Full PDB file with SEQRES, HELIX, SHEET, SSBOND, CRYST1, ORIGX, SCALE, CONECT and MASTER records, all heavy atoms in Angstrom:
SEQRES   1 A   33  ARG ARG PHE ALA PRO LEU VAL ASP GLY ARG VAL ASP ALA          
SEQRES   2 A   33  SER ASP GLY GLY TRP ARG LEU SER VAL ARG VAL GLU ALA          
SEQRES   3 A   33  PRO PHE LEU GLY GLU LEU VAL                                  
SHEET    1 AA1 3 LEU A   6  ALA A  13  0                                        
SHEET    2 AA1 3 TRP A  18  ALA A  26 -1                                        
SHEET    3 AA1 3 GLY A  30  GLU A  31 -1                                        
CRYST1    1.000    1.000    1.000  90.00  90.00  90.00 P 1           1          
ORIGX1      1.000000  0.000000  0.000000        0.00000                         
ORIGX2      0.000000  1.000000  0.000000        0.00000                         
ORIGX3      0.000000  0.000000  1.000000        0.00000                         
SCALE1      1.000000  0.000000  0.000000        0.00000                         
SCALE2      0.000000  1.000000  0.000000        0.00000                         
SCALE3      0.000000  0.000000  1.000000        0.00000                         
ATOM      1  N   ARG A   1     -15.195  -7.675  -3.495  1.00  0.00           N  
ATOM      2  CA  ARG A   1     -13.793  -7.362  -3.797  1.00  0.00           C  
ATOM      3  C   ARG A   1     -13.649  -6.261  -4.853  1.00  0.00           C  
ATOM      4  O   ARG A   1     -12.844  -5.365  -4.707  1.00  0.00           O  
ATOM      5  CB  ARG A   1     -13.090  -8.653  -4.240  1.00  0.00           C  
ATOM      6  CG  ARG A   1     -11.649  -8.525  -4.565  1.00  0.00           C  
ATOM      7  CD  ARG A   1     -10.803  -8.592  -3.336  1.00  0.00           C  
ATOM      8  NE  ARG A   1      -9.400  -8.533  -3.716  1.00  0.00           N  
ATOM      9  CZ  ARG A   1      -8.442  -8.944  -2.985  1.00  0.00           C  
ATOM     10  NH1 ARG A   1      -8.694  -9.483  -1.829  1.00  0.00           N  
ATOM     11  NH2 ARG A   1      -7.207  -8.840  -3.371  1.00  0.00           N  
ATOM     12  N   ARG A   2     -14.454  -6.284  -5.904  1.00  0.00           N  
ATOM     13  CA  ARG A   2     -14.275  -5.287  -6.963  1.00  0.00           C  
ATOM     14  C   ARG A   2     -14.745  -3.897  -6.563  1.00  0.00           C  
ATOM     15  O   ARG A   2     -14.420  -2.926  -7.225  1.00  0.00           O  
ATOM     16  CB  ARG A   2     -14.935  -5.743  -8.253  1.00  0.00           C  
ATOM     17  CG  ARG A   2     -16.417  -5.833  -8.202  1.00  0.00           C  
ATOM     18  CD  ARG A   2     -16.924  -6.433  -9.485  1.00  0.00           C  
ATOM     19  NE  ARG A   2     -18.354  -6.279  -9.545  1.00  0.00           N  
ATOM     20  CZ  ARG A   2     -19.028  -6.083 -10.632  1.00  0.00           C  
ATOM     21  NH1 ARG A   2     -18.390  -6.028 -11.773  1.00  0.00           N  
ATOM     22  NH2 ARG A   2     -20.312  -5.954 -10.604  1.00  0.00           N  
ATOM     23  N   PHE A   3     -15.505  -3.774  -5.463  1.00  0.00           N  
ATOM     24  CA  PHE A   3     -15.939  -2.477  -4.965  1.00  0.00           C  
ATOM     25  C   PHE A   3     -15.136  -2.030  -3.749  1.00  0.00           C  
ATOM     26  O   PHE A   3     -15.427  -0.996  -3.161  1.00  0.00           O  
ATOM     27  CB  PHE A   3     -17.429  -2.506  -4.594  1.00  0.00           C  
ATOM     28  CG  PHE A   3     -18.324  -2.738  -5.769  1.00  0.00           C  
ATOM     29  CD1 PHE A   3     -19.050  -3.913  -5.869  1.00  0.00           C  
ATOM     30  CD2 PHE A   3     -18.426  -1.807  -6.781  1.00  0.00           C  
ATOM     31  CE1 PHE A   3     -19.884  -4.140  -6.955  1.00  0.00           C  
ATOM     32  CE2 PHE A   3     -19.245  -2.024  -7.876  1.00  0.00           C  
ATOM     33  CZ  PHE A   3     -19.973  -3.197  -7.965  1.00  0.00           C  
ATOM     34  N   ALA A   4     -14.151  -2.809  -3.371  1.00  0.00           N  
ATOM     35  CA  ALA A   4     -13.376  -2.531  -2.166  1.00  0.00           C  
ATOM     36  C   ALA A   4     -12.121  -1.722  -2.478  1.00  0.00           C  
ATOM     37  O   ALA A   4     -11.496  -1.912  -3.513  1.00  0.00           O  
ATOM     38  CB  ALA A   4     -12.969  -3.842  -1.499  1.00  0.00           C  
ATOM     39  N   PRO A   5     -11.763  -0.830  -1.568  1.00  0.00           N  
ATOM     40  CA  PRO A   5     -10.473  -0.162  -1.715  1.00  0.00           C  
ATOM     41  C   PRO A   5      -9.363  -1.181  -1.457  1.00  0.00           C  
ATOM     42  O   PRO A   5      -9.601  -2.229  -0.862  1.00  0.00           O  
ATOM     43  CB  PRO A   5     -10.496   0.906  -0.623  1.00  0.00           C  
ATOM     44  CG  PRO A   5     -11.445   0.371   0.394  1.00  0.00           C  
ATOM     45  CD  PRO A   5     -12.463  -0.430  -0.358  1.00  0.00           C  
ATOM     46  N   LEU A   6      -8.195  -0.865  -1.917  1.00  0.00           N  
ATOM     47  CA  LEU A   6      -7.036  -1.736  -1.704  1.00  0.00           C  
ATOM     48  C   LEU A   6      -5.989  -0.961  -0.933  1.00  0.00           C  
ATOM     49  O   LEU A   6      -5.652   0.166  -1.311  1.00  0.00           O  
ATOM     50  CB  LEU A   6      -6.451  -2.181  -3.047  1.00  0.00           C  
ATOM     51  CG  LEU A   6      -5.109  -2.917  -2.972  1.00  0.00           C  
ATOM     52  CD1 LEU A   6      -5.312  -4.325  -2.439  1.00  0.00           C  
ATOM     53  CD2 LEU A   6      -4.448  -2.954  -4.329  1.00  0.00           C  
ATOM     54  N   VAL A   7      -5.516  -1.538   0.148  1.00  0.00           N  
ATOM     55  CA  VAL A   7      -4.409  -0.964   0.907  1.00  0.00           C  
ATOM     56  C   VAL A   7      -3.323  -2.029   0.928  1.00  0.00           C  
ATOM     57  O   VAL A   7      -3.517  -3.115   1.457  1.00  0.00           O  
ATOM     58  CB  VAL A   7      -4.829  -0.590   2.346  1.00  0.00           C  
ATOM     59  CG1 VAL A   7      -3.655   0.005   3.098  1.00  0.00           C  
ATOM     60  CG2 VAL A   7      -6.007   0.374   2.320  1.00  0.00           C  
ATOM     61  N   ASP A   8      -2.212  -1.717   0.319  1.00  0.00           N  
ATOM     62  CA  ASP A   8      -1.113  -2.667   0.171  1.00  0.00           C  
ATOM     63  C   ASP A   8       0.124  -2.060   0.816  1.00  0.00           C  
ATOM     64  O   ASP A   8       0.433  -0.891   0.569  1.00  0.00           O  
ATOM     65  CB  ASP A   8      -0.880  -2.908  -1.327  1.00  0.00           C  
ATOM     66  CG  ASP A   8       0.193  -3.933  -1.596  1.00  0.00           C  
ATOM     67  OD1 ASP A   8       0.201  -4.965  -0.915  1.00  0.00           O  
ATOM     68  OD2 ASP A   8       1.023  -3.687  -2.490  1.00  0.00           O  
ATOM     69  N   GLY A   9       0.814  -2.822   1.642  1.00  0.00           N  
ATOM     70  CA  GLY A   9       1.999  -2.274   2.293  1.00  0.00           C  
ATOM     71  C   GLY A   9       3.055  -3.322   2.542  1.00  0.00           C  
ATOM     72  O   GLY A   9       2.789  -4.521   2.519  1.00  0.00           O  
ATOM     73  N   ARG A  10       4.268  -2.813   2.755  1.00  0.00           N  
ATOM     74  CA  ARG A  10       5.367  -3.699   3.134  1.00  0.00           C  
ATOM     75  C   ARG A  10       6.423  -2.888   3.855  1.00  0.00           C  
ATOM     76  O   ARG A  10       6.531  -1.679   3.666  1.00  0.00           O  
ATOM     77  CB  ARG A  10       5.946  -4.410   1.930  1.00  0.00           C  
ATOM     78  CG  ARG A  10       6.748  -3.543   1.013  1.00  0.00           C  
ATOM     79  CD  ARG A  10       7.393  -4.362  -0.112  1.00  0.00           C  
ATOM     80  NE  ARG A  10       8.305  -3.550  -0.851  1.00  0.00           N  
ATOM     81  CZ  ARG A  10       7.991  -2.809  -1.891  1.00  0.00           C  
ATOM     82  NH1 ARG A  10       6.763  -2.784  -2.325  1.00  0.00           N  
ATOM     83  NH2 ARG A  10       8.902  -2.090  -2.505  1.00  0.00           N  
ATOM     84  N   VAL A  11       7.169  -3.572   4.694  1.00  0.00           N  
ATOM     85  CA  VAL A  11       8.332  -2.980   5.349  1.00  0.00           C  
ATOM     86  C   VAL A  11       9.519  -3.892   5.094  1.00  0.00           C  
ATOM     87  O   VAL A  11       9.407  -5.113   5.188  1.00  0.00           O  
ATOM     88  CB  VAL A  11       8.107  -2.751   6.863  1.00  0.00           C  
ATOM     89  CG1 VAL A  11       7.035  -1.712   7.104  1.00  0.00           C  
ATOM     90  CG2 VAL A  11       7.744  -4.023   7.580  1.00  0.00           C  
ATOM     91  N   ASP A  12      10.628  -3.287   4.703  1.00  0.00           N  
ATOM     92  CA  ASP A  12      11.879  -4.006   4.469  1.00  0.00           C  
ATOM     93  C   ASP A  12      12.862  -3.567   5.544  1.00  0.00           C  
ATOM     94  O   ASP A  12      13.315  -2.418   5.534  1.00  0.00           O  
ATOM     95  CB  ASP A  12      12.441  -3.669   3.077  1.00  0.00           C  
ATOM     96  CG  ASP A  12      11.561  -4.185   1.967  1.00  0.00           C  
ATOM     97  OD1 ASP A  12      11.447  -5.413   1.853  1.00  0.00           O  
ATOM     98  OD2 ASP A  12      10.983  -3.356   1.228  1.00  0.00           O  
ATOM     99  N   ALA A  13      13.163  -4.470   6.465  1.00  0.00           N  
ATOM    100  CA  ALA A  13      13.978  -4.128   7.622  1.00  0.00           C  
ATOM    101  C   ALA A  13      15.463  -4.286   7.341  1.00  0.00           C  
ATOM    102  O   ALA A  13      15.886  -5.126   6.546  1.00  0.00           O  
ATOM    103  CB  ALA A  13      13.588  -5.008   8.803  1.00  0.00           C  
ATOM    104  N   SER A  14      16.231  -3.445   8.029  1.00  0.00           N  
ATOM    105  CA  SER A  14      17.679  -3.632   8.107  1.00  0.00           C  
ATOM    106  C   SER A  14      18.064  -3.344   9.553  1.00  0.00           C  
ATOM    107  O   SER A  14      17.193  -3.228  10.404  1.00  0.00           O  
ATOM    108  CB  SER A  14      18.409  -2.722   7.109  1.00  0.00           C  
ATOM    109  OG  SER A  14      18.312  -1.382   7.506  1.00  0.00           O  
ATOM    110  N   ASP A  15      19.339  -3.202   9.842  1.00  0.00           N  
ATOM    111  CA  ASP A  15      19.790  -3.114  11.235  1.00  0.00           C  
ATOM    112  C   ASP A  15      19.109  -2.017  12.057  1.00  0.00           C  
ATOM    113  O   ASP A  15      18.637  -2.266  13.141  1.00  0.00           O  
ATOM    114  CB  ASP A  15      21.305  -2.923  11.297  1.00  0.00           C  
ATOM    115  CG  ASP A  15      22.039  -4.164  10.841  1.00  0.00           C  
ATOM    116  OD1 ASP A  15      21.435  -5.252  10.849  1.00  0.00           O  
ATOM    117  OD2 ASP A  15      23.218  -4.045  10.462  1.00  0.00           O  
ATOM    118  N   GLY A  16      19.039  -0.795  11.527  1.00  0.00           N  
ATOM    119  CA  GLY A  16      18.573   0.312  12.347  1.00  0.00           C  
ATOM    120  C   GLY A  16      17.133   0.720  12.158  1.00  0.00           C  
ATOM    121  O   GLY A  16      16.634   1.591  12.853  1.00  0.00           O  
ATOM    122  N   GLY A  17      16.420   0.147  11.205  1.00  0.00           N  
ATOM    123  CA  GLY A  17      15.044   0.557  10.954  1.00  0.00           C  
ATOM    124  C   GLY A  17      14.461  -0.194   9.790  1.00  0.00           C  
ATOM    125  O   GLY A  17      14.844  -1.333   9.528  1.00  0.00           O  
ATOM    126  N   TRP A  18      13.558   0.461   9.065  1.00  0.00           N  
ATOM    127  CA  TRP A  18      12.925  -0.208   7.942  1.00  0.00           C  
ATOM    128  C   TRP A  18      12.474   0.806   6.895  1.00  0.00           C  
ATOM    129  O   TRP A  18      12.146   1.936   7.190  1.00  0.00           O  
ATOM    130  CB  TRP A  18      11.746  -1.066   8.393  1.00  0.00           C  
ATOM    131  CG  TRP A  18      10.720  -0.340   9.208  1.00  0.00           C  
ATOM    132  CD1 TRP A  18       9.639   0.363   8.740  1.00  0.00           C  
ATOM    133  CD2 TRP A  18      10.671  -0.221  10.626  1.00  0.00           C  
ATOM    134  NE1 TRP A  18       8.920   0.897   9.772  1.00  0.00           N  
ATOM    135  CE2 TRP A  18       9.542   0.553  10.956  1.00  0.00           C  
ATOM    136  CE3 TRP A  18      11.471  -0.701  11.669  1.00  0.00           C  
ATOM    137  CZ2 TRP A  18       9.188   0.870  12.264  1.00  0.00           C  
ATOM    138  CZ3 TRP A  18      11.127  -0.386  12.964  1.00  0.00           C  
ATOM    139  CH2 TRP A  18       9.991   0.379  13.260  1.00  0.00           C  
ATOM    140  N   ARG A  19      12.476   0.335   5.662  1.00  0.00           N  
ATOM    141  CA  ARG A  19      11.930   1.098   4.543  1.00  0.00           C  
ATOM    142  C   ARG A  19      10.487   0.636   4.393  1.00  0.00           C  
ATOM    143  O   ARG A  19      10.221  -0.547   4.304  1.00  0.00           O  
ATOM    144  CB  ARG A  19      12.717   0.822   3.263  1.00  0.00           C  
ATOM    145  CG  ARG A  19      12.101   1.500   2.039  1.00  0.00           C  
ATOM    146  CD  ARG A  19      13.099   1.710   0.932  1.00  0.00           C  
ATOM    147  NE  ARG A  19      14.180   2.622   1.267  1.00  0.00           N  
ATOM    148  CZ  ARG A  19      14.057   3.954   1.384  1.00  0.00           C  
ATOM    149  NH1 ARG A  19      12.901   4.521   1.196  1.00  0.00           N  
ATOM    150  NH2 ARG A  19      15.098   4.703   1.690  1.00  0.00           N  
ATOM    151  N   LEU A  20       9.567   1.596   4.413  1.00  0.00           N  
ATOM    152  CA  LEU A  20       8.172   1.225   4.271  1.00  0.00           C  
ATOM    153  C   LEU A  20       7.635   1.716   2.938  1.00  0.00           C  
ATOM    154  O   LEU A  20       8.123   2.693   2.375  1.00  0.00           O  
ATOM    155  CB  LEU A  20       7.330   1.746   5.430  1.00  0.00           C  
ATOM    156  CG  LEU A  20       7.036   3.227   5.530  1.00  0.00           C  
ATOM    157  CD1 LEU A  20       5.793   3.587   4.747  1.00  0.00           C  
ATOM    158  CD2 LEU A  20       6.821   3.587   6.981  1.00  0.00           C  
ATOM    159  N   SER A  21       6.649   1.009   2.450  1.00  0.00           N  
ATOM    160  CA  SER A  21       5.986   1.358   1.199  1.00  0.00           C  
ATOM    161  C   SER A  21       4.513   1.027   1.358  1.00  0.00           C  
ATOM    162  O   SER A  21       4.164  -0.096   1.713  1.00  0.00           O  
ATOM    163  CB  SER A  21       6.590   0.549   0.044  1.00  0.00           C  
ATOM    164  OG  SER A  21       5.895   0.806  -1.146  1.00  0.00           O  
ATOM    165  N   VAL A  22       3.653   2.031   1.118  1.00  0.00           N  
ATOM    166  CA  VAL A  22       2.210   1.854   1.248  1.00  0.00           C  
ATOM    167  C   VAL A  22       1.544   2.422  -0.004  1.00  0.00           C  
ATOM    168  O   VAL A  22       1.929   3.481  -0.497  1.00  0.00           O  
ATOM    169  CB  VAL A  22       1.654   2.570   2.502  1.00  0.00           C  
ATOM    170  CG1 VAL A  22       0.138   2.479   2.564  1.00  0.00           C  
ATOM    171  CG2 VAL A  22       2.278   2.006   3.763  1.00  0.00           C  
ATOM    172  N   ARG A  23       0.543   1.700  -0.498  1.00  0.00           N  
ATOM    173  CA  ARG A  23      -0.214   2.122  -1.682  1.00  0.00           C  
ATOM    174  C   ARG A  23      -1.694   1.968  -1.369  1.00  0.00           C  
ATOM    175  O   ARG A  23      -2.124   0.941  -0.839  1.00  0.00           O  
ATOM    176  CB  ARG A  23       0.176   1.243  -2.865  1.00  0.00           C  
ATOM    177  CG  ARG A  23      -0.528   1.543  -4.157  1.00  0.00           C  
ATOM    178  CD  ARG A  23       0.061   0.694  -5.291  1.00  0.00           C  
ATOM    179  NE  ARG A  23       0.218  -0.697  -4.933  1.00  0.00           N  
ATOM    180  CZ  ARG A  23      -0.623  -1.662  -5.299  1.00  0.00           C  
ATOM    181  NH1 ARG A  23      -1.667  -1.394  -6.029  1.00  0.00           N  
ATOM    182  NH2 ARG A  23      -0.410  -2.910  -4.925  1.00  0.00           N  
ATOM    183  N   VAL A  24      -2.476   3.010  -1.699  1.00  0.00           N  
ATOM    184  CA  VAL A  24      -3.923   2.976  -1.485  1.00  0.00           C  
ATOM    185  C   VAL A  24      -4.597   3.177  -2.843  1.00  0.00           C  
ATOM    186  O   VAL A  24      -4.293   4.142  -3.553  1.00  0.00           O  
ATOM    187  CB  VAL A  24      -4.375   4.083  -0.504  1.00  0.00           C  
ATOM    188  CG1 VAL A  24      -5.892   4.048  -0.314  1.00  0.00           C  
ATOM    189  CG2 VAL A  24      -3.662   3.943   0.835  1.00  0.00           C  
ATOM    190  N   GLU A  25      -5.504   2.259  -3.183  1.00  0.00           N  
ATOM    191  CA  GLU A  25      -6.251   2.337  -4.438  1.00  0.00           C  
ATOM    192  C   GLU A  25      -7.742   2.365  -4.147  1.00  0.00           C  
ATOM    193  O   GLU A  25      -8.194   1.782  -3.165  1.00  0.00           O  
ATOM    194  CB  GLU A  25      -5.963   1.123  -5.324  1.00  0.00           C  
ATOM    195  CG  GLU A  25      -4.566   1.071  -5.851  1.00  0.00           C  
ATOM    196  CD  GLU A  25      -4.340  -0.099  -6.806  1.00  0.00           C  
ATOM    197  OE1 GLU A  25      -5.312  -0.824  -7.132  1.00  0.00           O  
ATOM    198  OE2 GLU A  25      -3.193  -0.286  -7.215  1.00  0.00           O  
ATOM    199  N   ALA A  26      -8.475   3.038  -5.031  1.00  0.00           N  
ATOM    200  CA  ALA A  26      -9.939   3.077  -4.940  1.00  0.00           C  
ATOM    201  C   ALA A  26     -10.514   2.250  -6.085  1.00  0.00           C  
ATOM    202  O   ALA A  26      -9.942   2.221  -7.181  1.00  0.00           O  
ATOM    203  CB  ALA A  26     -10.436   4.516  -5.033  1.00  0.00           C  
ATOM    204  N   PRO A  27     -11.654   1.585  -5.839  1.00  0.00           N  
ATOM    205  CA  PRO A  27     -12.262   0.809  -6.920  1.00  0.00           C  
ATOM    206  C   PRO A  27     -12.599   1.717  -8.109  1.00  0.00           C  
ATOM    207  O   PRO A  27     -13.045   2.837  -7.930  1.00  0.00           O  
ATOM    208  CB  PRO A  27     -13.526   0.227  -6.286  1.00  0.00           C  
ATOM    209  CG  PRO A  27     -13.743   0.982  -5.022  1.00  0.00           C  
ATOM    210  CD  PRO A  27     -12.440   1.579  -4.622  1.00  0.00           C  
ATOM    211  N   PHE A  28     -12.326   1.225  -9.286  1.00  0.00           N  
ATOM    212  CA  PHE A  28     -12.603   1.891 -10.562  1.00  0.00           C  
ATOM    213  C   PHE A  28     -11.726   3.112 -10.838  1.00  0.00           C  
ATOM    214  O   PHE A  28     -11.598   3.517 -11.980  1.00  0.00           O  
ATOM    215  CB  PHE A  28     -14.093   2.269 -10.693  1.00  0.00           C  
ATOM    216  CG  PHE A  28     -15.017   1.135 -10.408  1.00  0.00           C  
ATOM    217  CD1 PHE A  28     -15.778   1.116  -9.261  1.00  0.00           C  
ATOM    218  CD2 PHE A  28     -15.097   0.058 -11.279  1.00  0.00           C  
ATOM    219  CE1 PHE A  28     -16.625   0.051  -8.983  1.00  0.00           C  
ATOM    220  CE2 PHE A  28     -15.935  -1.016 -11.014  1.00  0.00           C  
ATOM    221  CZ  PHE A  28     -16.707  -1.018  -9.865  1.00  0.00           C  
ATOM    222  N   LEU A  29     -11.148   3.727  -9.812  1.00  0.00           N  
ATOM    223  CA  LEU A  29     -10.312   4.918 -10.002  1.00  0.00           C  
ATOM    224  C   LEU A  29      -8.827   4.581 -10.038  1.00  0.00           C  
ATOM    225  O   LEU A  29      -8.039   5.321 -10.601  1.00  0.00           O  
ATOM    226  CB  LEU A  29     -10.558   5.933  -8.883  1.00  0.00           C  
ATOM    227  CG  LEU A  29     -11.940   6.570  -8.836  1.00  0.00           C  
ATOM    228  CD1 LEU A  29     -12.042   7.488  -7.635  1.00  0.00           C  
ATOM    229  CD2 LEU A  29     -12.229   7.318 -10.121  1.00  0.00           C  
ATOM    230  N   GLY A  30      -8.460   3.492  -9.379  1.00  0.00           N  
ATOM    231  CA  GLY A  30      -7.049   3.126  -9.315  1.00  0.00           C  
ATOM    232  C   GLY A  30      -6.342   3.784  -8.145  1.00  0.00           C  
ATOM    233  O   GLY A  30      -6.962   4.162  -7.151  1.00  0.00           O  
ATOM    234  N   GLU A  31      -5.049   3.952  -8.291  1.00  0.00           N  
ATOM    235  CA  GLU A  31      -4.219   4.454  -7.189  1.00  0.00           C  
ATOM    236  C   GLU A  31      -4.614   5.871  -6.786  1.00  0.00           C  
ATOM    237  O   GLU A  31      -4.811   6.738  -7.634  1.00  0.00           O  
ATOM    238  CB  GLU A  31      -2.752   4.426  -7.614  1.00  0.00           C  
ATOM    239  CG  GLU A  31      -1.818   4.812  -6.491  1.00  0.00           C  
ATOM    240  CD  GLU A  31      -0.366   4.627  -6.869  1.00  0.00           C  
ATOM    241  OE1 GLU A  31       0.047   3.454  -7.018  1.00  0.00           O  
ATOM    242  OE2 GLU A  31       0.328   5.641  -7.034  1.00  0.00           O  
ATOM    243  N   LEU A  32      -4.730   6.071  -5.460  1.00  0.00           N  
ATOM    244  CA  LEU A  32      -4.980   7.392  -4.904  1.00  0.00           C  
ATOM    245  C   LEU A  32      -3.689   8.011  -4.392  1.00  0.00           C  
ATOM    246  O   LEU A  32      -3.408   9.177  -4.622  1.00  0.00           O  
ATOM    247  CB  LEU A  32      -5.985   7.323  -3.753  1.00  0.00           C  
ATOM    248  CG  LEU A  32      -7.389   6.846  -4.084  1.00  0.00           C  
ATOM    249  CD1 LEU A  32      -8.241   6.786  -2.825  1.00  0.00           C  
ATOM    250  CD2 LEU A  32      -8.019   7.735  -5.139  1.00  0.00           C  
ATOM    251  N   VAL A  33      -2.931   7.208  -3.645  1.00  0.00           N  
ATOM    252  CA  VAL A  33      -1.695   7.719  -3.045  1.00  0.00           C  
ATOM    253  C   VAL A  33      -0.742   6.559  -2.808  1.00  0.00           C  
ATOM    254  O   VAL A  33      -1.164   5.418  -2.617  1.00  0.00           O  
ATOM    255  CB  VAL A  33      -1.991   8.480  -1.718  1.00  0.00           C  
ATOM    256  CG1 VAL A  33      -2.474   7.532  -0.637  1.00  0.00           C  
ATOM    257  CG2 VAL A  33      -0.788   9.266  -1.237  1.00  0.00           C  
TER     258      VAL A  33                                                      
MASTER        0    0    0    0    3    0    0    6  257    1    0    3          
END                                                                             
């Protein structure tokens, strides 16, 4: 786990679509994008 990248995401839906949020982190470096 401590050497693994992290990909975290969510979608918040409403009537016509959804708001998405994605975060990618690298071990020891933190957030990439």
